[in-house]
């Protein structure tokens, strides 16, 4: 990347993006008022936000397509839970914290939509979770490259992000 060029803040690398989300949530939690409710809610928020990235890493190391989809479903569930806990914490009318919370809620929503789109893509393709029992290994499966933004056009992501989302999924069609 040439000097002076600003890197887009919305990462295309989902692993890095989920890591930054968890890191930003932890930074946000440190600034919250120390009430009994916030302490308990913050614990849940930290667990959920970290679980998004941890399960995404697990999905990339999955043993089967079924396991991959299951892990992505957990990622989506944890992103939704993070959004819930973010909305629940008490901010004591702090405008700076409110702005930071809104950005984190937006990121949790976008992550939820991305993981939901991946799940929809697998359901739309009806990709088999396991190799068919009759597969002998003699015939190579066809590799099909699919663009997520073309198949699922209404992701409801941030401005322009839908067009910039450039990761692609590969599916083996038997």
Protein backbone atom coordinates (compact mmCIF):
# COMPACT_ATOMS: atom_id res chain seq x y z
CA UNK A 1 0.00 0.00 0.00
CA UNK A 2 1.53 3.38 -1.03
CA UNK A 3 2.34 5.89 1.70
CA UNK A 4 -0.46 8.28 2.43
CA UNK A 5 -3.18 5.92 1.22
CA UNK A 6 -5.76 5.34 3.92
CA UNK A 7 -6.85 1.76 4.42
CA UNK A 8 -10.61 1.20 4.52
CA UNK A 9 -11.78 0.76 8.13
CA UNK A 10 -14.24 -2.00 7.16
CA UNK A 11 -11.98 -5.00 6.79
CA UNK A 12 -12.58 -7.57 4.08
CA UNK A 13 -10.70 -10.15 6.13
CA UNK A 14 -13.49 -11.39 8.37
CA UNK A 15 -11.08 -12.94 10.87
CA UNK A 16 -9.36 -9.59 11.39
CA UNK A 17 -12.68 -7.74 11.43
CA UNK A 18 -14.12 -9.97 14.17
CA UNK A 19 -10.89 -9.58 16.15
CA UNK A 20 -11.09 -5.80 15.94
CA UNK A 21 -14.75 -5.94 16.97
CA UNK A 22 -13.87 -7.87 20.15
CA UNK A 23 -10.94 -5.54 20.84
CA UNK A 24 -13.08 -2.41 20.38
CA UNK A 25 -15.78 -3.86 22.67
CA UNK A 26 -13.16 -4.40 25.39
CA UNK A 27 -11.97 -0.82 25.01
CA UNK A 28 -15.58 0.40 25.25
CA UNK A 29 -16.26 -1.69 28.39
CA UNK A 30 -13.28 -0.10 30.20
CA UNK A 31 -14.97 3.31 29.83
CA UNK A 32 -18.38 2.28 31.20
CA UNK A 33 -19.64 3.51 34.58
CA UNK A 34 -18.93 0.90 37.25
CA UNK A 35 -22.46 -0.02 38.30
CA UNK A 36 -23.43 -3.50 39.48
CA UNK A 37 -25.59 -4.02 36.39
CA UNK A 38 -22.86 -2.82 34.01
CA UNK A 39 -20.29 -5.13 35.58
CA UNK A 40 -22.51 -8.16 34.97
CA UNK A 41 -23.65 -7.00 31.52
CA UNK A 42 -20.06 -6.21 30.51
CA UNK A 43 -18.99 -9.78 31.34
CA UNK A 44 -21.65 -11.13 29.00
CA UNK A 45 -20.76 -8.56 26.31
CA UNK A 46 -17.07 -9.44 26.44
CA UNK A 47 -17.82 -13.17 26.19
CA UNK A 48 -20.22 -12.76 23.27
CA UNK A 49 -18.02 -10.36 21.29
CA UNK A 50 -14.96 -12.58 21.67
CA UNK A 51 -16.96 -15.65 20.74
CA UNK A 52 -17.83 -14.18 17.32
CA UNK A 53 -14.19 -14.25 16.19
CA UNK A 54 -13.31 -17.47 18.00
CA UNK A 55 -16.13 -19.35 16.28
CA UNK A 56 -15.23 -17.83 12.91
CA UNK A 57 -11.68 -19.17 13.32
CA UNK A 58 -13.19 -22.54 14.27
CA UNK A 59 -15.40 -22.46 11.16
CA UNK A 60 -12.34 -22.02 8.95
CA UNK A 61 -10.83 -25.14 10.55
CA UNK A 62 -14.04 -27.16 10.33
CA UNK A 63 -14.04 -30.83 9.43
CA UNK A 64 -17.07 -30.72 7.16
CA UNK A 65 -19.42 -28.29 5.46
CA UNK A 66 -22.05 -29.11 8.05
CA UNK A 67 -19.62 -28.16 10.82
CA UNK A 68 -18.71 -24.97 8.92
CA UNK A 69 -22.35 -23.88 8.64
CA UNK A 70 -22.95 -24.73 12.30
CA UNK A 71 -19.99 -22.55 13.40
CA UNK A 72 -21.16 -19.69 11.19
CA UNK A 73 -24.60 -19.96 12.78
CA UNK A 74 -22.96 -19.62 16.19
CA UNK A 75 -21.04 -16.57 14.93
CA UNK A 76 -24.33 -14.98 13.89
CA UNK A 77 -25.95 -15.83 17.22
CA UNK A 78 -23.04 -14.35 19.19
CA UNK A 79 -23.03 -11.16 17.07
CA UNK A 80 -26.76 -10.74 17.79
CA UNK A 81 -26.12 -11.35 21.49
CA UNK A 82 -23.32 -8.75 21.46
CA UNK A 83 -25.73 -6.24 19.97
CA UNK A 84 -28.23 -7.04 22.74
CA UNK A 85 -25.70 -6.49 25.55
CA UNK A 86 -24.40 -3.31 23.89
CA UNK A 87 -27.92 -1.88 23.87
CA UNK A 88 -28.46 -2.89 27.50
CA UNK A 89 -25.44 -1.28 29.20
CA UNK A 90 -25.96 1.96 31.15
CA UNK A 91 -24.03 4.99 29.85
CA UNK A 92 -25.07 7.72 32.31
CA UNK A 93 -25.97 10.19 29.49
CA UNK A 94 -22.40 10.23 28.14
CA UNK A 95 -22.59 11.41 24.50
CA UNK A 96 -19.11 10.12 23.64
CA UNK A 97 -19.93 6.64 24.92
CA UNK A 98 -23.29 6.75 23.12
CA UNK A 99 -21.53 7.41 19.81
CA UNK A 100 -19.09 4.59 20.43
CA UNK A 101 -21.94 2.25 21.37
CA UNK A 102 -23.81 3.11 18.16
CA UNK A 103 -20.71 2.30 16.07
CA UNK A 104 -20.32 -1.04 17.86
CA UNK A 105 -24.03 -1.84 17.47
CA UNK A 106 -23.69 -1.05 13.74
CA UNK A 107 -20.66 -3.35 13.45
CA UNK A 108 -22.49 -6.15 15.32
CA UNK A 109 -25.45 -5.70 12.95
CA UNK A 110 -23.19 -5.85 9.89
CA UNK A 111 -21.44 -8.97 11.19
CA UNK A 112 -24.84 -10.55 11.86
CA UNK A 113 -25.89 -9.77 8.27
CA UNK A 114 -22.65 -11.11 6.78
CA UNK A 115 -22.90 -14.39 8.69
CA UNK A 116 -26.60 -14.61 7.82
CA UNK A 117 -25.74 -14.13 4.14
CA UNK A 118 -23.17 -16.94 4.29
CA UNK A 119 -25.80 -19.24 5.84
CA UNK A 120 -28.36 -18.22 3.19
CA UNK A 121 -25.81 -18.89 0.46
CA UNK A 122 -25.22 -22.42 1.68
CA UNK A 123 -28.96 -23.04 1.97
CA UNK A 124 -29.63 -21.58 -1.47
CA UNK A 125 -26.96 -23.79 -3.03
CA UNK A 126 -28.17 -26.80 -1.07
CA UNK A 127 -24.56 -27.79 -0.65
CA UNK A 128 -24.40 -31.25 0.80
CA UNK A 129 -22.95 -31.29 4.31
CA UNK A 130 -20.94 -34.46 3.66
CA UNK A 131 -19.60 -36.23 0.59
CA UNK A 132 -22.14 -38.62 -0.89
CA UNK A 133 -21.67 -42.25 0.13
CA UNK A 134 -21.10 -43.26 -3.49
CA UNK A 135 -18.17 -40.85 -3.95
CA UNK A 136 -15.12 -42.92 -4.76
CA UNK A 137 -12.62 -40.10 -5.10
CA UNK A 138 -12.06 -40.92 -8.78
CA UNK A 139 -14.09 -37.98 -10.09
CA UNK A 140 -12.99 -34.56 -8.98
CA UNK A 141 -15.70 -32.29 -7.61
CA UNK A 142 -16.38 -29.11 -9.58
CA UNK A 143 -15.18 -25.97 -7.82
CA UNK A 144 -17.60 -23.10 -8.26
CA UNK A 145 -16.63 -19.56 -7.34
CA UNK A 146 -19.57 -17.55 -5.99
CA UNK A 147 -19.67 -13.87 -5.21
CA UNK A 148 -21.60 -13.22 -2.01
CA UNK A 149 -22.80 -9.79 -3.12
CA UNK A 150 -24.33 -11.11 -6.36
CA UNK A 151 -26.28 -13.95 -4.77
CA UNK A 152 -27.49 -12.07 -1.72
CA UNK A 153 -28.00 -8.47 -2.87
CA UNK A 154 -29.91 -7.19 0.16
CA UNK A 155 -27.44 -7.59 3.02
CA UNK A 156 -28.44 -4.27 4.60
CA UNK A 157 -24.79 -3.45 5.28
CA UNK A 158 -23.25 -0.03 5.75
CA UNK A 159 -23.05 2.48 2.92
CA UNK A 160 -21.09 1.12 0.00
CA UNK A 161 -19.91 -1.91 1.94
CA UNK A 162 -22.13 -4.27 -0.03
CA UNK A 163 -20.31 -3.36 -3.26
CA UNK A 164 -16.89 -3.52 -1.56
CA UNK A 165 -17.45 -6.85 0.15
CA UNK A 166 -15.05 -8.89 -1.89
CA UNK A 167 -14.50 -12.17 -0.16
CA UNK A 168 -15.72 -15.13 -2.15
CA UNK A 169 -16.92 -18.53 -1.11
CA UNK A 170 -15.98 -21.74 -2.81
CA UNK A 171 -18.36 -24.64 -2.83
CA UNK A 172 -17.75 -28.16 -4.04
CA UNK A 173 -20.64 -29.33 -6.19
CA UNK A 174 -20.77 -33.09 -6.65
